[in-house]
C-alpha atoms as a PDB file:
ATOM      1  CA  MET A   1      98.325 133.904  93.681  1.00  0.00           C
ATOM      2  CA  THR A   2      99.611 131.980  96.689  1.00  0.00           C
ATOM      3  CA  SER A   3     103.193 131.167  96.130  1.00  0.00           C
ATOM      4  CA  LEU A   4     105.194 127.923  96.202  1.00  0.00           C
ATOM      5  CA  ALA A   5     108.450 129.613  96.619  1.00  0.00           C
ATOM      6  CA  ASP A   6     110.538 127.945  99.737  1.00  0.00           C
ATOM      7  CA  MET A   7     107.811 125.382  99.953  1.00  0.00           C
ATOM      8  CA  PRO A   8     109.492 121.765 100.421  1.00  0.00           C
ATOM      9  CA  PHE A   9     108.994 119.252  97.605  1.00  0.00           C
ATOM     10  CA  SER A  10     109.106 115.494  97.984  1.00  0.00           C
ATOM     11  CA  LEU A  11     108.481 112.390  96.614  1.00  0.00           C
ATOM     12  CA  LEU A  12     106.777 109.013  97.259  1.00  0.00           C
ATOM     13  CA  GLU A  13     108.208 106.013  95.517  1.00  0.00           C
ATOM     14  CA  LEU A  14     106.347 102.563  94.774  1.00  0.00           C
ATOM     15  CA  SER A  15     109.150 101.237  92.397  1.00  0.00           C
ATOM     16  CA  PRO A  16     106.480 100.707  89.658  1.00  0.00           C
ATOM     17  CA  MET A  17     107.457  98.105  87.408  1.00  0.00           C
ATOM     18  CA  LYS A  18     106.847  97.124  83.780  1.00  0.00           C
ATOM     19  CA  GLU A  19     105.566  93.485  83.012  1.00  0.00           C
ATOM     20  CA  GLN A  20     108.734  93.075  80.669  1.00  0.00           C
ATOM     21  CA  ASP A  21     111.009  94.582  82.988  1.00  0.00           C
ATOM     22  CA  THR A  22     113.389  92.767  85.753  1.00  0.00           C
ATOM     23  CA  VAL A  23     112.983  93.462  89.157  1.00  0.00           C
ATOM     24  CA  SER A  24     116.880  94.824  89.014  1.00  0.00           C
ATOM     25  CA  GLN A  25     115.976  97.133  86.088  1.00  0.00           C
ATOM     26  CA  THR A  26     112.977  98.577  88.002  1.00  0.00           C
ATOM     27  CA  LEU A  27     115.187  99.135  90.994  1.00  0.00           C
ATOM     28  CA  ALA A  28     117.844 100.578  89.151  1.00  0.00           C
ATOM     29  CA  ASN A  29     114.954 103.254  87.525  1.00  0.00           C
ATOM     30  CA  SER A  30     114.183 104.029  91.406  1.00  0.00           C
ATOM     31  CA  VAL A  31     117.551 104.976  92.205  1.00  0.00           C
ATOM     32  CA  ALA A  32     118.100 107.155  88.935  1.00  0.00           C
ATOM     33  CA  TYR A  33     114.824 108.718  89.644  1.00  0.00           C
ATOM     34  CA  ALA A  34     116.092 109.363  93.119  1.00  0.00           C
ATOM     35  CA  GLN A  35     119.189 110.916  92.013  1.00  0.00           C
ATOM     36  CA  LYS A  36     117.685 113.145  89.802  1.00  0.00           C
ATOM     37  CA  ALA A  37     115.567 114.196  92.833  1.00  0.00           C
ATOM     38  CA  ASP A  38     118.356 114.931  94.780  1.00  0.00           C
ATOM     39  CA  GLU A  39     120.155 116.768  91.917  1.00  0.00           C
ATOM     40  CA  LEU A  40     117.165 119.184  91.718  1.00  0.00           C
ATOM     41  CA  GLY A  41     116.943 119.742  95.500  1.00  0.00           C
ATOM     42  CA  PHE A  42     113.665 117.886  96.643  1.00  0.00           C
ATOM     43  CA  LYS A  43     113.314 117.261 100.429  1.00  0.00           C
ATOM     44  CA  ARG A  44     112.827 113.621 100.789  1.00  0.00           C
ATOM     45  CA  PHE A  45     112.311 110.417  99.047  1.00  0.00           C
ATOM     46  CA  TRP A  46     110.309 107.996 100.766  1.00  0.00           C
ATOM     47  CA  MET A  47     109.698 104.413 100.055  1.00  0.00           C
ATOM     48  CA  ALA A  48     106.162 102.800 100.414  1.00  0.00           C
ATOM     49  CA  GLU A  49     105.984  99.253 102.257  1.00  0.00           C
ATOM     50  CA  HIS A  50     103.676  97.021  99.787  1.00  0.00           C
ATOM     51  CA  HIS A  51     103.822  93.382  99.614  1.00  0.00           C
ATOM     52  CA  ASN A  52     102.418  90.448  97.321  1.00  0.00           C
ATOM     53  CA  MET A  53     101.342  93.167  94.570  1.00  0.00           C
ATOM     54  CA  ARG A  54     102.790  92.549  91.377  1.00  0.00           C
ATOM     55  CA  GLY A  55     103.828  95.364  89.598  1.00  0.00           C
ATOM     56  CA  ILE A  56     105.268  96.995  92.928  1.00  0.00           C
ATOM     57  CA  VAL A  57     108.322  96.310  94.208  1.00  0.00           C
ATOM     58  CA  CYS A  58     109.153  97.987  97.259  1.00  0.00           C
ATOM     59  CA  ALA A  59     108.317  95.076  99.680  1.00  0.00           C
ATOM     60  CA  ALA A  60     111.824  95.408 101.578  1.00  0.00           C
ATOM     61  CA  THR A  61     111.453  99.057 102.568  1.00  0.00           C
ATOM     62  CA  SER A  62     114.613  99.678 104.781  1.00  0.00           C
ATOM     63  CA  VAL A  63     117.160  97.493 102.492  1.00  0.00           C
ATOM     64  CA  LEU A  64     115.793  99.969  99.669  1.00  0.00           C
ATOM     65  CA  ILE A  65     116.219 103.019 101.808  1.00  0.00           C
ATOM     66  CA  GLY A  66     119.737 102.073 102.514  1.00  0.00           C
ATOM     67  CA  HIS A  67     120.351 101.377  99.263  1.00  0.00           C
ATOM     68  CA  ILE A  68     119.128 105.094  98.018  1.00  0.00           C
ATOM     69  CA  ALA A  69     120.737 106.436 100.661  1.00  0.00           C
ATOM     70  CA  GLY A  70     124.003 105.453  99.930  1.00  0.00           C
ATOM     71  CA  LEU A  71     123.592 106.529  96.248  1.00  0.00           C
ATOM     72  CA  THR A  72     122.107 110.072  96.828  1.00  0.00           C
ATOM     73  CA  HIS A  73     123.817 113.082  98.550  1.00  0.00           C
ATOM     74  CA  ASN A  74     121.578 115.379 100.313  1.00  0.00           C
ATOM     75  CA  ILE A  75     118.058 113.995  99.893  1.00  0.00           C
ATOM     76  CA  ARG A  76     116.156 112.794 102.992  1.00  0.00           C
ATOM     77  CA  VAL A  77     115.358 108.963 102.448  1.00  0.00           C
ATOM     78  CA  GLY A  78     112.920 107.221 104.496  1.00  0.00           C
ATOM     79  CA  ALA A  79     109.749 104.944 104.933  1.00  0.00           C
ATOM     80  CA  GLY A  80     106.636 106.373 103.610  1.00  0.00           C
ATOM     81  CA  GLY A  81     105.777 104.217 105.539  1.00  0.00           C
ATOM     82  CA  VAL A  82     106.523 101.062 107.294  1.00  0.00           C
ATOM     83  CA  MET A  83     103.262  99.507 108.082  1.00  0.00           C
ATOM     84  CA  LEU A  84     104.046  98.988 111.966  1.00  0.00           C
ATOM     85  CA  PRO A  85     101.655  96.327 112.773  1.00  0.00           C
ATOM     86  CA  ASN A  86     103.799  94.135 110.394  1.00  0.00           C
ATOM     87  CA  HIS A  87     106.854  94.675 112.394  1.00  0.00           C
ATOM     88  CA  PRO A  88     108.117  94.415 116.040  1.00  0.00           C
ATOM     89  CA  PRO A  89     109.081  97.825 117.212  1.00  0.00           C
ATOM     90  CA  LEU A  90     112.195  96.653 118.418  1.00  0.00           C
ATOM     91  CA  VAL A  91     113.223  95.476 114.927  1.00  0.00           C
ATOM     92  CA  VAL A  92     112.163  98.762 113.474  1.00  0.00           C
ATOM     93  CA  ALA A  93     114.143 100.573 115.867  1.00  0.00           C
ATOM     94  CA  GLU A  94     117.153  98.765 114.806  1.00  0.00           C
ATOM     95  CA  GLN A  95     116.762  99.040 111.637  1.00  0.00           C
ATOM     96  CA  PHE A  96     116.367 102.762 111.368  1.00  0.00           C
ATOM     97  CA  GLY A  97     118.794 103.492 114.119  1.00  0.00           C
ATOM     98  CA  THR A  98     121.427 101.536 112.009  1.00  0.00           C
ATOM     99  CA  LEU A  99     120.001 103.506 108.690  1.00  0.00           C
ATOM    100  CA  GLU A 100     120.431 106.975 110.557  1.00  0.00           C
ATOM    101  CA  SER A 101     123.878 105.922 112.234  1.00  0.00           C
ATOM    102  CA  LEU A 102     125.001 105.369 108.490  1.00  0.00           C
ATOM    103  CA  TYR A 103     123.435 108.385 106.968  1.00  0.00           C
ATOM    104  CA  PRO A 104     123.195 110.888 109.734  1.00  0.00           C
ATOM    105  CA  GLY A 105     120.363 113.671 109.511  1.00  0.00           C
ATOM    106  CA  ARG A 106     119.205 112.165 106.368  1.00  0.00           C
ATOM    107  CA  ILE A 107     116.647 109.359 107.639  1.00  0.00           C
ATOM    108  CA  ASP A 108     112.764 109.409 108.330  1.00  0.00           C
ATOM    109  CA  LEU A 109     110.305 106.860 109.674  1.00  0.00           C
ATOM    110  CA  GLY A 110     106.739 107.331 108.593  1.00  0.00           C
ATOM    111  CA  LEU A 111     104.346 104.841 110.218  1.00  0.00           C
ATOM    112  CA  GLY A 112     101.193 103.806 108.832  1.00  0.00           C
ATOM    113  CA  ARG A 113      99.011 101.083 110.464  1.00  0.00           C
ATOM    114  CA  ALA A 114      97.156  99.395 107.487  1.00  0.00           C
ATOM    115  CA  PRO A 115      98.488  96.009 106.326  1.00  0.00           C
ATOM    116  CA  GLY A 116     100.122  96.962 103.017  1.00  0.00           C
ATOM    117  CA  SER A 117      98.789  93.752 101.603  1.00  0.00           C
ATOM    118  CA  ASP A 118      95.350  91.488 101.465  1.00  0.00           C
ATOM    119  CA  PRO A 119      94.478  89.581 104.361  1.00  0.00           C
ATOM    120  CA  ILE A 120      96.259  86.279 103.321  1.00  0.00           C
ATOM    121  CA  THR A 121      99.560  88.037 102.733  1.00  0.00           C
ATOM    122  CA  SER A 122      99.267  89.786 106.433  1.00  0.00           C
ATOM    123  CA  ARG A 123      99.220  86.294 107.688  1.00  0.00           C
ATOM    124  CA  ALA A 124     101.949  84.965 105.941  1.00  0.00           C
ATOM    125  CA  LEU A 125     103.837  87.952 107.709  1.00  0.00           C
ATOM    126  CA  ARG A 126     102.792  86.392 110.903  1.00  0.00           C
ATOM    127  CA  ARG A 127     100.760  89.582 111.517  1.00  0.00           C
ATOM    128  CA  ASP A 128      98.075  89.602 114.184  1.00  0.00           C
ATOM    129  CA  ASP A 129      95.203  91.555 113.222  1.00  0.00           C
ATOM    130  CA  ARG A 130      94.806  92.784 116.698  1.00  0.00           C
ATOM    131  CA  ARG A 131      98.094  94.361 116.552  1.00  0.00           C
ATOM    132  CA  ALA A 132      96.273  97.353 114.657  1.00  0.00           C
ATOM    133  CA  GLU A 133      94.504  98.305 117.717  1.00  0.00           C
ATOM    134  CA  GLN A 134      97.584  98.613 119.593  1.00  0.00           C
ATOM    135  CA  PHE A 135      99.036 101.150 117.161  1.00  0.00           C
ATOM    136  CA  ASP A 136      99.283 103.803 119.457  1.00  0.00           C
ATOM    137  CA  ASP A 137     101.011 101.968 122.525  1.00  0.00           C
ATOM    138  CA  GLU A 138     103.314 100.614 119.487  1.00  0.00           C
ATOM    139  CA  VAL A 139     104.050 104.125 118.288  1.00  0.00           C
ATOM    140  CA  ALA A 140     104.987 104.937 121.891  1.00  0.00           C
ATOM    141  CA  GLU A 141     107.078 102.200 122.502  1.00  0.00           C
ATOM    142  CA  LEU A 142     109.082 102.838 119.412  1.00  0.00           C
ATOM    143  CA  GLN A 143     109.352 106.631 120.174  1.00  0.00           C
ATOM    144  CA  ALA A 144     110.787 105.488 123.632  1.00  0.00           C
ATOM    145  CA  LEU A 145     113.345 102.774 121.819  1.00  0.00           C
ATOM    146  CA  LEU A 146     114.748 105.716 119.519  1.00  0.00           C
ATOM    147  CA  GLY A 147     114.975 108.169 122.506  1.00  0.00           C
ATOM    148  CA  PRO A 148     117.643 108.537 125.149  1.00  0.00           C
ATOM    149  CA  TYR A 149     117.538 105.356 127.781  1.00  0.00           C
ATOM    150  CA  ASP A 150     115.354 105.866 130.694  1.00  0.00           C
ATOM    151  CA  GLY A 151     117.939 104.025 133.131  1.00  0.00           C
ATOM    152  CA  LYS A 152     115.137 101.494 133.541  1.00  0.00           C
ATOM    153  CA  SER A 153     114.425  99.530 130.612  1.00  0.00           C
ATOM    154  CA  SER A 154     115.797  95.977 130.098  1.00  0.00           C
ATOM    155  CA  VAL A 155     115.043  95.924 126.048  1.00  0.00           C
ATOM    156  CA  ARG A 156     116.990  98.345 124.345  1.00  0.00           C
ATOM    157  CA  ALA A 157     117.746  99.210 120.917  1.00  0.00           C
ATOM    158  CA  ILE A 158     121.456  98.903 119.666  1.00  0.00           C
ATOM    159  CA  PRO A 159     121.723 100.872 117.248  1.00  0.00           C
ATOM    160  CA  GLY A 160     118.878 102.973 117.415  1.00  0.00           C
ATOM    161  CA  GLU A 161     118.909 104.522 121.089  1.00  0.00           C
ATOM    162  CA  ASN A 162     119.297 108.166 121.168  1.00  0.00           C
ATOM    163  CA  THR A 163     119.446 108.461 117.455  1.00  0.00           C
ATOM    164  CA  LYS A 164     115.658 109.973 117.537  1.00  0.00           C
ATOM    165  CA  VAL A 165     114.873 109.428 114.077  1.00  0.00           C
ATOM    166  CA  PRO A 166     112.045 111.932 113.044  1.00  0.00           C
ATOM    167  CA  ILE A 167     108.764 109.708 113.149  1.00  0.00           C
ATOM    168  CA  TRP A 168     105.801 110.746 111.148  1.00  0.00           C
ATOM    169  CA  LEU A 169     102.235 109.863 111.267  1.00  0.00           C
ATOM    170  CA  LEU A 170     101.140 108.752 107.842  1.00  0.00           C
ATOM    171  CA  GLY A 171      96.992 108.102 107.203  1.00  0.00           C
ATOM    172  CA  SER A 172      93.965 108.362 105.115  1.00  0.00           C
ATOM    173  CA  SER A 173      91.648 108.975 107.871  1.00  0.00           C
ATOM    174  CA  LEU A 174      90.599 110.465 111.200  1.00  0.00           C
ATOM    175  CA  TYR A 175      92.487 108.198 113.517  1.00  0.00           C
ATOM    176  CA  SER A 176      95.906 108.659 112.138  1.00  0.00           C
ATOM    177  CA  ALA A 177      95.404 112.556 112.663  1.00  0.00           C
ATOM    178  CA  GLN A 178      93.954 112.408 115.911  1.00  0.00           C
ATOM    179  CA  LEU A 179      96.868 110.171 116.922  1.00  0.00           C
ATOM    180  CA  ALA A 180      99.370 112.461 115.306  1.00  0.00           C
ATOM    181  CA  ALA A 181      97.748 115.578 116.975  1.00  0.00           C
ATOM    182  CA  LYS A 182      97.757 113.823 120.508  1.00  0.00           C
ATOM    183  CA  ARG A 183     101.661 112.825 120.169  1.00  0.00           C
ATOM    184  CA  GLY A 184     102.712 116.164 118.734  1.00  0.00           C
ATOM    185  CA  LEU A 185     104.181 114.371 115.777  1.00  0.00           C
ATOM    186  CA  PRO A 186     104.381 115.519 111.895  1.00  0.00           C
ATOM    187  CA  TYR A 187     101.533 114.258 109.969  1.00  0.00           C
ATOM    188  CA  ALA A 188     101.094 112.821 106.563  1.00  0.00           C
ATOM    189  CA  PHE A 189      97.735 112.822 104.672  1.00  0.00           C
ATOM    190  CA  ALA A 190      97.474 110.046 101.664  1.00  0.00           C
ATOM    191  CA  GLY A 191      95.620 112.176  99.495  1.00  0.00           C
ATOM    192  CA  HIS A 192      97.413 110.339  96.556  1.00  0.00           C
ATOM    193  CA  PHE A 193      95.173 107.522  97.007  1.00  0.00           C
ATOM    194  CA  ALA A 194      92.150 108.656  99.378  1.00  0.00           C
ATOM    195  CA  PRO A 195      91.224 112.062  98.779  1.00  0.00           C
ATOM    196  CA  ARG A 196      87.676 111.830 100.766  1.00  0.00           C
ATOM    197  CA  PHE A 197      88.868 112.841 104.041  1.00  0.00           C
ATOM    198  CA  VAL A 198      91.371 115.305 103.416  1.00  0.00           C
ATOM    199  CA  HIS A 199      89.741 118.391 104.930  1.00  0.00           C
ATOM    200  CA  ASP A 200      88.364 116.948 107.786  1.00  0.00           C
ATOM    201  CA  ALA A 201      91.774 115.240 108.883  1.00  0.00           C
ATOM    202  CA  ILE A 202      93.975 118.062 108.545  1.00  0.00           C
ATOM    203  CA  ALA A 203      91.621 120.430 110.334  1.00  0.00           C
ATOM    204  CA  LEU A 204      91.351 117.875 113.006  1.00  0.00           C
ATOM    205  CA  TYR A 205      95.035 117.788 113.441  1.00  0.00           C
ATOM    206  CA  ARG A 206      95.545 121.473 113.419  1.00  0.00           C
ATOM    207  CA  ARG A 207      92.840 122.033 115.968  1.00  0.00           C
ATOM    208  CA  ASP A 208      93.905 118.917 118.508  1.00  0.00           C
ATOM    209  CA  PHE A 209      97.369 119.360 117.914  1.00  0.00           C
ATOM    210  CA  GLN A 210      99.670 119.269 121.381  1.00  0.00           C
ATOM    211  CA  PRO A 211     103.112 120.593 121.310  1.00  0.00           C
ATOM    212  CA  SER A 212     105.675 117.839 122.049  1.00  0.00           C
ATOM    213  CA  LYS A 213     109.494 117.590 122.376  1.00  0.00           C
ATOM    214  CA  VAL A 214     110.186 117.178 118.540  1.00  0.00           C
ATOM    215  CA  LEU A 215     107.313 119.655 117.569  1.00  0.00           C
ATOM    216  CA  ASP A 216     105.964 122.764 118.643  1.00  0.00           C
ATOM    217  CA  LYS A 217     103.338 123.254 116.014  1.00  0.00           C
ATOM    218  CA  PRO A 218     101.350 121.317 113.539  1.00  0.00           C
ATOM    219  CA  TYR A 219     103.246 120.329 110.277  1.00  0.00           C
ATOM    220  CA  VAL A 220     101.295 118.550 107.319  1.00  0.00           C
ATOM    221  CA  MET A 221     102.577 116.972 104.440  1.00  0.00           C
ATOM    222  CA  LEU A 222     100.117 116.350 101.546  1.00  0.00           C
ATOM    223  CA  GLY A 223     100.182 113.367  99.350  1.00  0.00           C
ATOM    224  CA  LEU A 224      99.283 114.372  95.808  1.00  0.00           C
ATOM    225  CA  PRO A 225      99.532 112.510  92.496  1.00  0.00           C
ATOM    226  CA  VAL A 226     101.221 114.589  89.687  1.00  0.00           C
ATOM    227  CA  VAL A 227     101.519 114.415  86.232  1.00  0.00           C
ATOM    228  CA  ALA A 228     103.629 117.161  84.929  1.00  0.00           C
ATOM    229  CA  ALA A 229     104.534 118.048  81.299  1.00  0.00           C
ATOM    230  CA  ASP A 230     105.548 120.440  78.645  1.00  0.00           C
ATOM    231  CA  THR A 231     101.660 120.742  77.373  1.00  0.00           C
ATOM    232  CA  ASP A 232      98.296 119.921  79.108  1.00  0.00           C
ATOM    233  CA  GLU A 233      97.727 117.418  76.200  1.00  0.00           C
ATOM    234  CA  GLN A 234     100.583 115.829  77.021  1.00  0.00           C
ATOM    235  CA  ALA A 235     100.214 115.658  80.588  1.00  0.00           C
ATOM    236  CA  GLN A 236      96.722 114.175  79.956  1.00  0.00           C
ATOM    237  CA  TYR A 237      98.071 111.599  77.547  1.00  0.00           C
ATOM    238  CA  LEU A 238     100.771 110.479  80.081  1.00  0.00           C
ATOM    239  CA  ALA A 239      98.147 110.329  82.903  1.00  0.00           C
ATOM    240  CA  THR A 240      96.180 107.303  81.058  1.00  0.00           C
ATOM    241  CA  THR A 241      99.044 105.310  82.756  1.00  0.00           C
ATOM    242  CA  SER A 242      98.264 106.092  86.333  1.00  0.00           C
ATOM    243  CA  LYS A 243      94.578 105.794  85.550  1.00  0.00           C
ATOM    244  CA  GLN A 244      95.102 102.253  84.041  1.00  0.00           C
ATOM    245  CA  ARG A 245      96.846 101.066  86.848  1.00  0.00           C
ATOM    246  CA  ILE A 246      94.057 102.253  89.327  1.00  0.00           C
ATOM    247  CA  LEU A 247      91.873 100.546  87.033  1.00  0.00           C
ATOM    248  CA  ALA A 248      93.720  97.129  87.381  1.00  0.00           C
ATOM    249  CA  LEU A 249      93.902  97.567  91.560  1.00  0.00           C
ATOM    250  CA  MET A 250      90.195  97.913  91.520  1.00  0.00           C
ATOM    251  CA  ARG A 251      89.482  94.850  89.511  1.00  0.00           C
ATOM    252  CA  GLY A 252      91.841  92.944  91.663  1.00  0.00           C
ATOM    253  CA  GLN A 253      94.683  92.562  88.369  1.00  0.00           C
ATOM    254  CA  ALA A 254      98.220  92.851  88.510  1.00  0.00           C
ATOM    255  CA  LEU A 255      99.566  96.513  88.876  1.00  0.00           C
ATOM    256  CA  TRP A 256     102.009  96.517  85.877  1.00  0.00           C
ATOM    257  CA  LEU A 257     103.069  99.827  84.549  1.00  0.00           C
ATOM    258  CA  LYS A 258     101.356  99.777  81.453  1.00  0.00           C
ATOM    259  CA  PRO A 259     101.974 102.470  78.393  1.00  0.00           C
ATOM    260  CA  PRO A 260      99.851 105.524  77.760  1.00  0.00           C
ATOM    261  CA  VAL A 261      96.814 105.496  75.683  1.00  0.00           C
ATOM    262  CA  ASP A 262      95.066 108.177  73.531  1.00  0.00           C
ATOM    263  CA  SER A 263      91.890 107.346  75.263  1.00  0.00           C
ATOM    264  CA  MET A 264      90.610 105.316  78.044  1.00  0.00           C
ATOM    265  CA  GLU A 265      87.383 104.762  76.023  1.00  0.00           C
ATOM    266  CA  GLY A 266      86.557 100.968  76.112  1.00  0.00           C
ATOM    267  CA  LEU A 267      89.061 100.123  78.715  1.00  0.00           C
ATOM    268  CA  TRP A 268      86.434 101.052  81.385  1.00  0.00           C
ATOM    269  CA  ASN A 269      82.942 101.176  82.067  1.00  0.00           C
ATOM    270  CA  ALA A 270      81.141 104.557  83.439  1.00  0.00           C
ATOM    271  CA  GLN A 271      81.151 103.028  87.417  1.00  0.00           C
ATOM    272  CA  GLU A 272      84.975 102.332  86.933  1.00  0.00           C
ATOM    273  CA  GLN A 273      85.502 105.273  85.543  1.00  0.00           C
ATOM    274  CA  MET A 274      83.754 107.494  87.886  1.00  0.00           C
ATOM    275  CA  GLN A 275      85.619 105.148  90.758  1.00  0.00           C
ATOM    276  CA  VAL A 276      89.284 105.833  89.112  1.00  0.00           C
ATOM    277  CA  ASP A 277      88.402 109.729  88.825  1.00  0.00           C
ATOM    278  CA  SER A 278      87.406 109.294  92.654  1.00  0.00           C
ATOM    279  CA  PHE A 279      90.437 107.849  93.627  1.00  0.00           C
ATOM    280  CA  LEU A 280      92.465 110.253  91.893  1.00  0.00           C
ATOM    281  CA  GLY A 281      90.536 113.126  93.136  1.00  0.00           C
ATOM    282  CA  LEU A 282      93.460 115.178  93.998  1.00  0.00           C
ATOM    283  CA  SER A 283      95.380 114.569  90.885  1.00  0.00           C
ATOM    284  CA  VAL A 284      97.451 117.219  89.504  1.00  0.00           C
ATOM    285  CA  VAL A 285      97.654 117.076  85.702  1.00  0.00           C
ATOM    286  CA  GLY A 286      99.067 119.592  83.248  1.00  0.00           C
ATOM    287  CA  SER A 287     101.495 122.037  81.807  1.00  0.00           C
ATOM    288  CA  PRO A 288     103.854 123.915  84.180  1.00  0.00           C
ATOM    289  CA  ALA A 289     101.447 126.891  84.314  1.00  0.00           C
ATOM    290  CA  THR A 290      98.578 124.430  84.969  1.00  0.00           C
ATOM    291  CA  VAL A 291     100.522 122.482  87.554  1.00  0.00           C
ATOM    292  CA  HIS A 292     101.642 125.721  89.524  1.00  0.00           C
ATOM    293  CA  HIS A 293      97.940 126.816  89.630  1.00  0.00           C
ATOM    294  CA  LYS A 294      96.564 123.682  91.060  1.00  0.00           C
ATOM    295  CA  LEU A 295      99.237 123.273  93.588  1.00  0.00           C
ATOM    296  CA  SER A 296      98.896 126.936  94.601  1.00  0.00           C
ATOM    297  CA  MET A 297      95.183 126.164  95.015  1.00  0.00           C
ATOM    298  CA  ILE A 298      95.589 123.629  97.049  1.00  0.00           C
ATOM    299  CA  LYS A 299      98.272 124.973  99.668  1.00  0.00           C
ATOM    300  CA  ARG A 300      95.931 128.067 100.039  1.00  0.00           C
ATOM    301  CA  GLU A 301      92.850 125.823 100.442  1.00  0.00           C
ATOM    302  CA  LEU A 302      94.272 123.250 102.945  1.00  0.00           C
ATOM    303  CA  ALA A 303      97.148 125.393 104.390  1.00  0.00           C
ATOM    304  CA  VAL A 304      99.722 122.194 104.189  1.00  0.00           C
ATOM    305  CA  ASP A 305     103.430 122.705 104.713  1.00  0.00           C
ATOM    306  CA  GLU A 306     104.884 120.067 102.340  1.00  0.00           C
ATOM    307  CA  PHE A 307     103.791 118.256  99.087  1.00  0.00           C
ATOM    308  CA  ILE A 308     104.811 114.635  98.798  1.00  0.00           C
ATOM    309  CA  PHE A 309     104.047 113.499  94.984  1.00  0.00           C
ATOM    310  CA  THR A 310     103.282 110.336  93.474  1.00  0.00           C
ATOM    311  CA  ASN A 311     104.500 110.624  89.578  1.00  0.00           C
ATOM    312  CA  ASP A 312     103.952 106.980  87.936  1.00  0.00           C
ATOM    313  CA  LEU A 313     104.876 107.494  84.554  1.00  0.00           C
ATOM    314  CA  TYR A 314     105.612 104.866  82.263  1.00  0.00           C
ATOM    315  CA  GLU A 315     109.234 106.160  80.898  1.00  0.00           C
ATOM    316  CA  LEU A 316     111.874 107.292  83.260  1.00  0.00           C
ATOM    317  CA  ASN A 317     112.813 110.104  81.227  1.00  0.00           C
ATOM    318  CA  ASP A 318     109.085 111.633  81.482  1.00  0.00           C
ATOM    319  CA  ARG A 319     109.314 111.142  85.409  1.00  0.00           C
ATOM    320  CA  LYS A 320     112.487 112.774  85.322  1.00  0.00           C
ATOM    321  CA  HIS A 321     111.327 115.629  83.015  1.00  0.00           C
ATOM    322  CA  ALA A 322     108.264 115.880  85.549  1.00  0.00           C
ATOM    323  CA  LEU A 323     110.718 116.534  88.122  1.00  0.00           C
ATOM    324  CA  GLU A 324     112.409 119.309  86.301  1.00  0.00           C
ATOM    325  CA  ILE A 325     108.770 121.118  86.106  1.00  0.00           C
ATOM    326  CA  LEU A 326     108.341 120.468  89.661  1.00  0.00           C
ATOM    327  CA  ALA A 327     111.881 122.159  90.635  1.00  0.00           C
ATOM    328  CA  SER A 328     111.230 125.242  88.486  1.00  0.00           C
ATOM    329  CA  LEU A 329     108.103 125.984  90.798  1.00  0.00           C
ATOM    330  CA  ALA A 330     109.278 126.100  94.067  1.00  0.00           C
END
């Protein structure tokens, strides 16, 4: 069996919120979750930018990154990711240059080109839809702003300049894989919500990768939904929380974190069940032995270098226990 020893495990956090909780309590839970991951030796803790979504409270990504970095010690903290078309590259460079200056060697900058919101909210963010078409140029601009001064540019990121904050490209399609390969950047595939193109995207990235100043060979991180518990039965029960959430997303409803249920029967129809199962096609659910087996199979099949997990469980203690299980496998 493929070994998971020495393979980095990381976490992607959306700060999931229960309907009865406050934003303050939800963010305090995210901090406690990050601190547990730090204690257990996880590699990264990334926050995902989302807007206007009830039940997800990580809109101010850079603010949360600074807060969590300040309350942890070793774990890398970053964006998974910043939706670059929503922000001027100069502002992103200044924000992450500041973060890197405050927490040297611990900040990551993952970039995506999706809006992270609906079209109406995109307009509220003063987002020009055409900017997504300029993503390649804006990634290059951001790299330049975070790199050494070229002696010519009249616009400089201060702070930010020469901090060399590691940039990752994130995506769920072939476009991001192609661009990451072209620029010689590490690539993170969003298998936690879009497993459809995982094989093609990773193969394209590895095939077309061009070495760069920051990376001499391809590096792939794969996002996976994980539900780890003491038994397979308990994990399947806890997994109904994420299933309910994806069902709400597909119905255009609020994304509150809901308690697990004994059965999803009666909560969805056959078509909805098929859609949710497809959305969670790469999910890893089970006991320690089951999770180890599934992760080993995925690692061998896709030859990924790192896993980054979503872990949407209802109770904070169950989330922490899942981290203990994962840490025991690495």
